Amino acid sequence: MIFPDEYKYVGVTRIHPDDAHEETIYFLSRYIIVEQITDIDKEYSIYRVEHTGEDLLRKVTKTELIASAEQVLKYGELLNIKDRRLLIEKAAELCKTGVNTVIFTGLDRHVTFVHEPDPSEIIDLEIVDVIPPEPSWLSLMVRKLEASGIFGDLSIRFKENMKDLRQFEGEKTVFPCSSSGLEGKCLDSDVITEDGSLLVGCEISRKLFESRFPDLKYEFINICPFRSDIYTPHGPFVTRCCLSERSGLATINGIKGAVVHWGASEFQVAVTIRKLVQQIRKEQGEGQ
């Protein structure tokens, strides 16, 4: 796959390379889209270019055809061309019947292209959390950040891996916090007086229960992502934990992921996810 890292590396011209012996090129240009007007429509071909010199405009020393006119499609709608996952997926949909390259135009009218799109370049990240509330806090946070475009350069795709705690609701069930709206008792608002409760929480919840009700017998279901009895990530993930010292990159059951504190800000969530993706890309590069 060829997908320029920045659209500033892509230039557009109506001058064919065969006719450009005396022409110069902008110093940032690494690829040139050649637009040619036919009797029916416009056609596009794409070249890789090399140049020499120290000035802003430089002499072309070599051109290499990447895709000829019959292989190139120009997408008609304006898109956020900083969203690499979006463009890879869209190009993969459109590349068929001889087409292997798609040109995209951004909202700011700059252009880029994807040649021989490879969806395997996209990293899937699981959002591992519990509901209710629904959507979960972490899912809501990540989706807001995704919509802002802050992850656009990372070529990542999020999917939810949620466990619904409503399956444990009941008169004997004790949950950590009443803000979830779950039906049962809650550690932050109820007093437990009888044996036989089912505590659904993490190790902190367990310690709180035993501190408040030291003589009561109970059963326990651990929902901490590090020691969960009910779910585990299936691939690279982002999850949250109430212990701030666990924040950062982590491995759960041999799977790499990112952990944020329950009270993390949008900035902290974004930084942690970026660190995870950088680490995954680094390891992928070392494995090649």
Protein backbone atom coordinates (compact mmCIF):
# COMPACT_ATOMS: atom_id res chain seq x y z
CA MET A 1 0.00 0.00 0.00
CA ILE A 2 1.14 3.53 -0.78
CA PHE A 3 -0.56 6.17 1.35
CA PRO A 4 1.45 9.39 1.76
CA ASP A 5 2.04 10.29 5.41
CA GLU A 6 1.04 13.89 4.70
CA TYR A 7 -0.94 15.46 1.88
CA LYS A 8 1.76 18.12 1.61
CA TYR A 9 3.80 15.44 -0.19
CA VAL A 10 1.23 15.25 -3.01
CA GLY A 11 1.21 17.72 -5.88
CA VAL A 12 -1.24 18.13 -8.76
CA THR A 13 -0.37 19.19 -12.30
CA ARG A 14 -1.71 19.11 -15.85
CA ILE A 15 1.77 18.77 -17.28
CA HIS A 16 2.63 15.19 -18.23
CA PRO A 17 6.11 14.06 -17.10
CA ASP A 18 7.07 13.37 -20.74
CA ASP A 19 6.56 17.07 -21.44
CA ALA A 20 8.15 18.43 -18.28
CA HIS A 21 11.85 18.38 -19.11
CA GLU A 22 12.31 22.05 -18.24
CA GLU A 23 9.77 22.20 -15.44
CA THR A 24 10.52 22.43 -11.72
CA ILE A 25 8.68 20.92 -8.79
CA TYR A 26 7.93 22.07 -5.25
CA PHE A 27 10.52 20.76 -2.80
CA LEU A 28 8.02 18.87 -0.62
CA SER A 29 6.46 16.94 -3.49
CA ARG A 30 7.11 13.21 -3.46
CA TYR A 31 4.11 12.22 -5.58
CA ILE A 32 2.44 13.96 -8.48
CA ILE A 33 -1.13 13.51 -9.63
CA VAL A 34 -1.32 14.29 -13.35
CA GLU A 35 -4.73 15.52 -14.45
CA GLN A 36 -5.60 15.21 -18.13
CA ILE A 37 -8.84 16.50 -19.69
CA THR A 38 -10.40 14.19 -22.28
CA ASP A 39 -13.44 14.60 -24.52
CA ILE A 40 -15.53 12.76 -21.94
CA ASP A 41 -14.11 13.52 -18.54
CA LYS A 42 -10.90 14.01 -16.59
CA GLU A 43 -8.33 11.27 -16.18
CA TYR A 44 -5.67 10.94 -13.54
CA SER A 45 -2.35 9.16 -13.31
CA ILE A 46 0.01 9.13 -10.35
CA TYR A 47 3.80 9.27 -10.30
CA ARG A 48 6.49 9.01 -7.67
CA VAL A 49 9.07 11.77 -8.24
CA GLU A 50 12.63 12.48 -7.23
CA HIS A 51 14.28 15.89 -7.51
CA THR A 52 17.49 17.71 -6.81
CA GLY A 53 18.44 21.13 -5.58
CA GLU A 54 18.24 23.33 -2.49
CA ASP A 55 15.60 25.86 -3.53
CA LEU A 56 11.85 25.76 -3.01
CA LEU A 57 11.42 24.77 -6.66
CA ARG A 58 13.65 21.91 -7.78
CA LYS A 59 14.51 20.02 -10.96
CA VAL A 60 12.92 16.61 -11.40
CA THR A 61 15.49 13.86 -11.80
CA LYS A 62 13.28 10.77 -11.93
CA THR A 63 9.61 9.84 -12.33
CA GLU A 64 8.03 6.46 -11.69
CA LEU A 65 4.50 5.59 -12.73
CA ILE A 66 2.48 4.25 -9.80
CA ALA A 67 -0.99 4.08 -11.36
CA SER A 68 -2.19 4.84 -14.88
CA ALA A 69 -5.50 6.48 -15.79
CA GLU A 70 -7.56 3.29 -16.04
CA GLN A 71 -6.39 2.26 -12.56
CA VAL A 72 -7.27 5.52 -10.83
CA LEU A 73 -10.62 6.66 -9.44
CA LYS A 74 -11.27 10.09 -7.96
CA TYR A 75 -13.76 9.99 -5.11
CA GLY A 76 -16.46 12.60 -5.56
CA GLU A 77 -17.21 13.67 -1.98
CA LEU A 78 -15.10 15.80 0.36
CA LEU A 79 -13.70 13.87 3.32
CA ASN A 80 -11.48 14.40 6.33
CA ILE A 81 -8.31 13.21 4.63
CA LYS A 82 -6.44 13.20 7.94
CA ASP A 83 -8.54 10.17 8.92
CA ARG A 84 -6.37 7.37 7.58
CA ARG A 85 -8.64 4.52 8.65
CA LEU A 86 -11.58 6.10 6.83
CA LEU A 87 -9.62 6.51 3.61
CA ILE A 88 -8.14 3.00 3.70
CA GLU A 89 -11.58 1.46 4.23
CA LYS A 90 -13.19 3.62 1.56
CA ALA A 91 -10.42 2.90 -0.96
CA ALA A 92 -10.69 -0.83 -0.28
CA GLU A 93 -14.42 -0.65 -1.10
CA LEU A 94 -13.78 1.20 -4.36
CA CYS A 95 -10.77 -0.70 -5.68
CA LYS A 96 -12.24 -3.32 -8.03
CA THR A 97 -12.49 -4.12 -11.75
CA GLY A 98 -8.99 -2.88 -12.47
CA VAL A 99 -8.98 0.13 -10.13
CA ASN A 100 -6.15 0.01 -7.57
CA THR A 101 -5.86 3.67 -6.56
CA VAL A 102 -8.32 6.22 -5.20
CA ILE A 103 -7.76 9.98 -5.01
CA PHE A 104 -9.47 11.80 -2.16
CA THR A 105 -10.17 15.51 -1.73
CA GLY A 106 -10.22 17.02 1.74
CA LEU A 107 -12.58 19.51 3.26
CA ASP A 108 -9.83 22.08 2.69
CA ARG A 109 -9.59 21.00 -0.99
CA HIS A 110 -6.14 19.43 -0.58
CA VAL A 111 -5.75 15.97 -2.08
CA THR A 112 -4.13 12.66 -1.28
CA PHE A 113 -4.45 9.08 -2.55
CA VAL A 114 -4.40 5.46 -1.46
CA HIS A 115 -2.72 2.96 -3.79
CA GLU A 116 -3.44 -0.75 -3.33
CA PRO A 117 -5.25 -0.24 0.00
CA ASP A 118 -4.44 -2.75 2.71
CA PRO A 119 -7.10 -2.90 5.48
CA SER A 120 -4.77 -5.12 7.54
CA GLU A 121 -2.84 -1.93 8.32
CA ILE A 122 -5.75 -0.87 10.54
CA ILE A 123 -5.37 -1.81 14.22
CA ASP A 124 -8.53 -2.91 16.01
CA LEU A 125 -8.73 -1.77 19.62
CA GLU A 126 -11.31 -3.12 22.05
CA ILE A 127 -12.97 -0.76 24.51
CA VAL A 128 -13.26 -3.06 27.53
CA ASP A 129 -15.74 -1.81 30.11
CA VAL A 130 -18.96 -2.55 31.99
CA ILE A 131 -22.51 -1.24 31.60
CA PRO A 132 -24.68 0.42 32.86
CA PRO A 133 -24.54 3.35 32.57
CA GLU A 134 -24.92 3.01 28.83
CA PRO A 135 -22.93 3.98 26.91
CA SER A 136 -20.18 3.26 29.38
CA TRP A 137 -18.05 6.17 30.53
CA LEU A 138 -14.99 4.86 28.70
CA SER A 139 -16.85 4.14 25.48
CA LEU A 140 -18.41 7.60 25.53
CA MET A 141 -15.02 9.20 26.13
CA VAL A 142 -13.24 7.26 23.37
CA ARG A 143 -15.99 7.84 20.83
CA LYS A 144 -15.97 11.58 21.54
CA LEU A 145 -12.21 11.66 21.01
CA GLU A 146 -12.53 9.60 17.84
CA ALA A 147 -15.12 12.02 16.46
CA SER A 148 -12.80 14.93 17.17
CA GLY A 149 -10.21 13.46 14.78
CA ILE A 150 -7.46 13.18 17.38
CA PHE A 151 -6.72 9.58 16.35
CA GLY A 152 -6.96 10.22 12.61
CA ASP A 153 -3.29 9.58 11.88
CA LEU A 154 -3.17 6.27 13.77
CA SER A 155 -5.25 4.06 11.43
CA ILE A 156 -7.20 2.48 14.28
CA ARG A 157 -10.73 1.16 14.63
CA PHE A 158 -12.56 0.81 17.96
CA LYS A 159 -15.07 -1.84 18.92
CA GLU A 160 -16.89 -2.33 22.21
CA ASN A 161 -16.31 -5.31 24.49
CA MET A 162 -18.90 -4.60 27.18
CA LYS A 163 -20.17 -6.75 30.00
CA ASP A 164 -23.69 -6.00 31.19
CA LEU A 165 -23.84 -6.10 34.99
CA ARG A 166 -27.65 -6.17 34.90
CA GLN A 167 -27.33 -9.96 34.62
CA PHE A 168 -26.40 -9.96 38.33
CA GLU A 169 -29.20 -7.71 39.60
CA GLY A 170 -31.13 -9.01 42.58
CA GLU A 171 -32.08 -8.46 46.20
CA LYS A 172 -28.93 -10.19 47.45
CA THR A 173 -26.53 -8.48 45.02
CA VAL A 174 -24.22 -5.71 46.19
CA PHE A 175 -22.68 -3.33 43.61
CA PRO A 176 -19.90 -0.79 44.30
CA CYS A 177 -21.72 2.42 43.41
CA SER A 178 -25.32 3.61 43.26
CA SER A 179 -24.63 5.93 40.29
CA SER A 180 -24.86 2.97 37.91
CA GLY A 181 -28.58 2.66 38.57
CA LEU A 182 -28.34 -1.11 39.00
CA GLU A 183 -31.06 -2.85 41.02
CA GLY A 184 -29.64 -4.23 44.23
CA LYS A 185 -27.71 -2.88 47.17
CA CYS A 186 -24.68 -0.58 46.85
CA LEU A 187 -21.61 -0.21 49.02
CA ASP A 188 -21.81 3.57 48.99
CA SER A 189 -25.40 3.80 50.23
CA ASP A 190 -26.66 0.60 51.90
CA VAL A 191 -26.02 -1.33 55.08
CA ILE A 192 -25.76 -5.11 54.74
CA THR A 193 -26.93 -7.08 57.77
CA GLU A 194 -27.24 -10.70 56.60
CA ASP A 195 -24.98 -13.40 55.18
CA GLY A 196 -25.35 -14.59 51.61
CA SER A 197 -24.76 -11.43 49.58
CA LEU A 198 -23.26 -11.56 46.08
CA LEU A 199 -20.66 -8.79 45.76
CA VAL A 200 -20.03 -7.73 42.15
CA GLY A 201 -16.98 -5.49 42.05
CA CYS A 202 -13.20 -5.37 42.21
CA GLU A 203 -10.60 -5.98 44.92
CA ILE A 204 -11.17 -2.47 46.29
CA SER A 205 -14.89 -3.26 46.58
CA ARG A 206 -14.00 -6.46 48.38
CA LYS A 207 -11.80 -4.65 50.88
CA LEU A 208 -14.51 -2.05 51.49
CA PHE A 209 -17.14 -4.75 52.02
CA GLU A 210 -14.97 -6.62 54.51
CA SER A 211 -14.05 -3.39 56.30
CA ARG A 212 -17.68 -2.37 56.71
CA PHE A 213 -19.15 -5.83 57.32
CA PRO A 214 -16.27 -7.95 58.68
CA ASP A 215 -18.43 -10.74 60.10
CA LEU A 216 -20.64 -11.39 57.07
CA LYS A 217 -20.22 -14.29 54.66
CA TYR A 218 -20.64 -13.49 50.97
CA GLU A 219 -19.84 -14.60 47.41
CA PHE A 220 -17.72 -12.49 45.08
CA ILE A 221 -17.57 -11.89 41.32
CA ASN A 222 -14.48 -9.95 40.28
CA ILE A 223 -15.04 -7.44 37.46
CA CYS A 224 -11.55 -5.90 37.57
CA PRO A 225 -10.12 -6.12 34.03
CA PHE A 226 -6.89 -7.54 35.46
CA ARG A 227 -8.60 -10.38 37.35
CA SER A 228 -12.07 -10.54 35.87
CA ASP A 229 -14.22 -13.61 36.35
CA ILE A 230 -16.57 -12.65 33.52
CA TYR A 231 -14.63 -11.20 30.60
CA THR A 232 -11.25 -10.72 29.01
CA PRO A 233 -9.92 -8.77 26.01
CA HIS A 234 -9.56 -10.71 22.76
CA GLY A 235 -7.11 -8.27 21.16
CA PRO A 236 -5.33 -4.96 21.86
CA PHE A 237 -7.53 -2.99 24.24
CA VAL A 238 -8.17 0.10 26.32
CA THR A 239 -9.82 -0.33 29.70
CA ARG A 240 -10.05 1.44 33.04
CA CYS A 241 -9.13 0.67 36.62
CA CYS A 242 -9.75 2.39 39.95
CA LEU A 243 -6.08 2.04 40.93
CA SER A 244 -4.13 4.94 39.42
CA GLU A 245 -0.83 3.05 39.72
CA ARG A 246 -2.04 0.63 37.06
CA SER A 247 -2.56 3.40 34.51
CA GLY A 248 -0.48 3.15 31.34
CA LEU A 249 0.50 0.25 29.11
CA ALA A 250 -0.36 -3.19 30.45
CA THR A 251 -0.67 -6.84 29.48
CA ILE A 252 -3.69 -8.95 30.40
CA ASN A 253 -3.64 -12.66 29.57
CA GLY A 254 -0.77 -12.04 27.17
CA ILE A 255 -2.63 -9.29 25.29
CA LYS A 256 -1.22 -5.76 25.19
CA GLY A 257 -3.41 -2.85 26.06
CA ALA A 258 -3.80 0.52 27.73
CA VAL A 259 -5.30 1.24 31.14
CA VAL A 260 -6.69 4.58 32.30
CA HIS A 261 -7.93 5.59 35.73
CA TRP A 262 -11.68 5.79 36.32
CA GLY A 263 -11.32 9.55 36.67
CA ALA A 264 -9.00 10.11 33.70
CA SER A 265 -9.46 13.20 31.53
CA GLU A 266 -9.96 13.16 27.77
CA PHE A 267 -6.35 14.23 27.37
CA GLN A 268 -5.06 11.35 29.50
CA VAL A 269 -7.18 8.84 27.60
CA ALA A 270 -5.93 10.14 24.24
CA VAL A 271 -2.27 10.12 25.30
CA THR A 272 -2.49 6.58 26.68
CA ILE A 273 -4.13 5.22 23.52
CA ARG A 274 -1.51 6.90 21.34
CA LYS A 275 1.27 5.32 23.42
CA LEU A 276 -0.31 1.91 22.98
CA VAL A 277 -0.61 2.25 19.21
CA GLN A 278 2.97 3.50 18.93
CA GLN A 279 4.15 0.46 20.89
CA ILE A 280 2.14 -1.92 18.69
CA ARG A 281 3.49 -0.31 15.51
CA LYS A 282 7.03 -0.53 16.87
CA GLU A 283 6.68 -4.23 17.62
CA GLN A 284 5.11 -4.85 14.22
CA GLY A 285 8.09 -3.14 12.59
CA GLU A 286 10.56 -5.20 14.60
CA GLY A 287 8.75 -8.39 13.63
CA GLN A 288 9.06 -7.77 9.89
